[in-house]
C-alpha atoms as a PDB file:
ATOM      1  CA  UNK A   1       8.506  12.087  -2.833  1.00  0.00           C
ATOM      2  CA  UNK A   2       9.491   8.603  -2.427  1.00  0.00           C
ATOM      3  CA  UNK A   3       9.086   5.844  -5.048  1.00  0.00           C
ATOM      4  CA  UNK A   4       7.250   3.041  -3.497  1.00  0.00           C
ATOM      5  CA  UNK A   5       3.802   3.618  -5.243  1.00  0.00           C
ATOM      6  CA  UNK A   6       3.497   2.677  -8.909  1.00  0.00           C
ATOM      7  CA  UNK A   7       0.739   5.348  -9.205  1.00  0.00           C
ATOM      8  CA  UNK A   8       3.339   8.057  -8.448  1.00  0.00           C
ATOM      9  CA  UNK A   9       5.526   6.857 -11.174  1.00  0.00           C
ATOM     10  CA  UNK A  10       5.306   7.914 -14.666  1.00  0.00           C
ATOM     11  CA  UNK A  11       7.340   7.987 -17.912  1.00  0.00           C
ATOM     12  CA  UNK A  12       9.388  10.954 -18.470  1.00  0.00           C
ATOM     13  CA  UNK A  13       9.836  11.798 -14.674  1.00  0.00           C
ATOM     14  CA  UNK A  14      13.149  12.892 -13.142  1.00  0.00           C
ATOM     15  CA  UNK A  15      13.990  10.473 -10.537  1.00  0.00           C
ATOM     16  CA  UNK A  16      16.944   9.301  -8.432  1.00  0.00           C
ATOM     17  CA  UNK A  17      17.297   5.658  -8.468  1.00  0.00           C
ATOM     18  CA  UNK A  18      19.854   2.909  -6.716  1.00  0.00           C
ATOM     19  CA  UNK A  19      21.348   0.516  -9.048  1.00  0.00           C
ATOM     20  CA  UNK A  20      21.679  -3.182  -8.074  1.00  0.00           C
ATOM     21  CA  UNK A  21      25.638  -2.844  -7.783  1.00  0.00           C
ATOM     22  CA  UNK A  22      25.034   0.381  -5.486  1.00  0.00           C
ATOM     23  CA  UNK A  23      22.693  -1.139  -2.978  1.00  0.00           C
ATOM     24  CA  UNK A  24      25.320  -1.536  -0.431  1.00  0.00           C
ATOM     25  CA  UNK A  25      26.396   2.142  -0.678  1.00  0.00           C
ATOM     26  CA  UNK A  26      23.245   3.775  -1.335  1.00  0.00           C
ATOM     27  CA  UNK A  27      24.687   5.715  -4.334  1.00  0.00           C
ATOM     28  CA  UNK A  28      21.811   7.303  -6.269  1.00  0.00           C
ATOM     29  CA  UNK A  29      21.685   7.796  -9.936  1.00  0.00           C
ATOM     30  CA  UNK A  30      19.526  10.469 -11.371  1.00  0.00           C
ATOM     31  CA  UNK A  31      17.565   9.995 -14.812  1.00  0.00           C
ATOM     32  CA  UNK A  32      14.385  10.349 -16.544  1.00  0.00           C
ATOM     33  CA  UNK A  33      12.286   7.134 -16.558  1.00  0.00           C
ATOM     34  CA  UNK A  34      11.945   5.485 -19.976  1.00  0.00           C
ATOM     35  CA  UNK A  35      10.139   2.331 -18.751  1.00  0.00           C
ATOM     36  CA  UNK A  36       8.452   1.020 -15.730  1.00  0.00           C
ATOM     37  CA  UNK A  37       9.383  -2.526 -14.967  1.00  0.00           C
ATOM     38  CA  UNK A  38       7.643  -3.307 -11.704  1.00  0.00           C
ATOM     39  CA  UNK A  39       4.119  -4.711 -12.266  1.00  0.00           C
ATOM     40  CA  UNK A  40       2.654  -4.599  -8.456  1.00  0.00           C
ATOM     41  CA  UNK A  41       0.968  -1.461  -7.236  1.00  0.00           C
ATOM     42  CA  UNK A  42       3.724  -0.935  -4.452  1.00  0.00           C
ATOM     43  CA  UNK A  43       7.238  -2.254  -3.432  1.00  0.00           C
ATOM     44  CA  UNK A  44       8.880  -1.634  -0.182  1.00  0.00           C
ATOM     45  CA  UNK A  45      12.246  -0.947  -1.815  1.00  0.00           C
ATOM     46  CA  UNK A  46      10.971   1.244  -4.503  1.00  0.00           C
ATOM     47  CA  UNK A  47       9.484   0.651  -7.921  1.00  0.00           C
ATOM     48  CA  UNK A  48      11.816  -0.816 -10.779  1.00  0.00           C
ATOM     49  CA  UNK A  49      12.492   1.424 -13.657  1.00  0.00           C
ATOM     50  CA  UNK A  50      14.695   1.765 -16.609  1.00  0.00           C
ATOM     51  CA  UNK A  51      16.162   5.105 -17.320  1.00  0.00           C
ATOM     52  CA  UNK A  52      16.712   6.623 -20.688  1.00  0.00           C
ATOM     53  CA  UNK A  53      20.407   7.153 -20.028  1.00  0.00           C
ATOM     54  CA  UNK A  54      22.157   4.059 -20.860  1.00  0.00           C
ATOM     55  CA  UNK A  55      19.240   1.836 -20.040  1.00  0.00           C
ATOM     56  CA  UNK A  56      20.222   1.718 -16.409  1.00  0.00           C
ATOM     57  CA  UNK A  57      17.976  -0.270 -14.330  1.00  0.00           C
ATOM     58  CA  UNK A  58      17.227   0.316 -10.593  1.00  0.00           C
ATOM     59  CA  UNK A  59      14.637   1.316  -7.836  1.00  0.00           C
ATOM     60  CA  UNK A  60      13.306   4.507  -7.319  1.00  0.00           C
ATOM     61  CA  UNK A  61      14.265   6.255  -4.266  1.00  0.00           C
ATOM     62  CA  UNK A  62      13.266   9.744  -4.877  1.00  0.00           C
ATOM     63  CA  UNK A  63      11.079  11.652  -7.351  1.00  0.00           C
ATOM     64  CA  UNK A  64      12.611  15.004  -8.271  1.00  0.00           C
ATOM     65  CA  UNK A  65      10.452  18.039  -8.638  1.00  0.00           C
ATOM     66  CA  UNK A  66      11.626  20.221 -11.418  1.00  0.00           C
END
């Protein structure tokens, strides 16, 4: 599942995000959502979130089914 729709994103979900510093390489970071930072309903590059791991911030690329 992709992360462009805010309605699909919930605190506590396991997701893959791309950090700002990794946008060129596309390297993904996995973690659980601590906070949703994007206010709009959709975003073409993914909803921006903060992970519970070291408060990393990035855009959701995939939602992981556990």
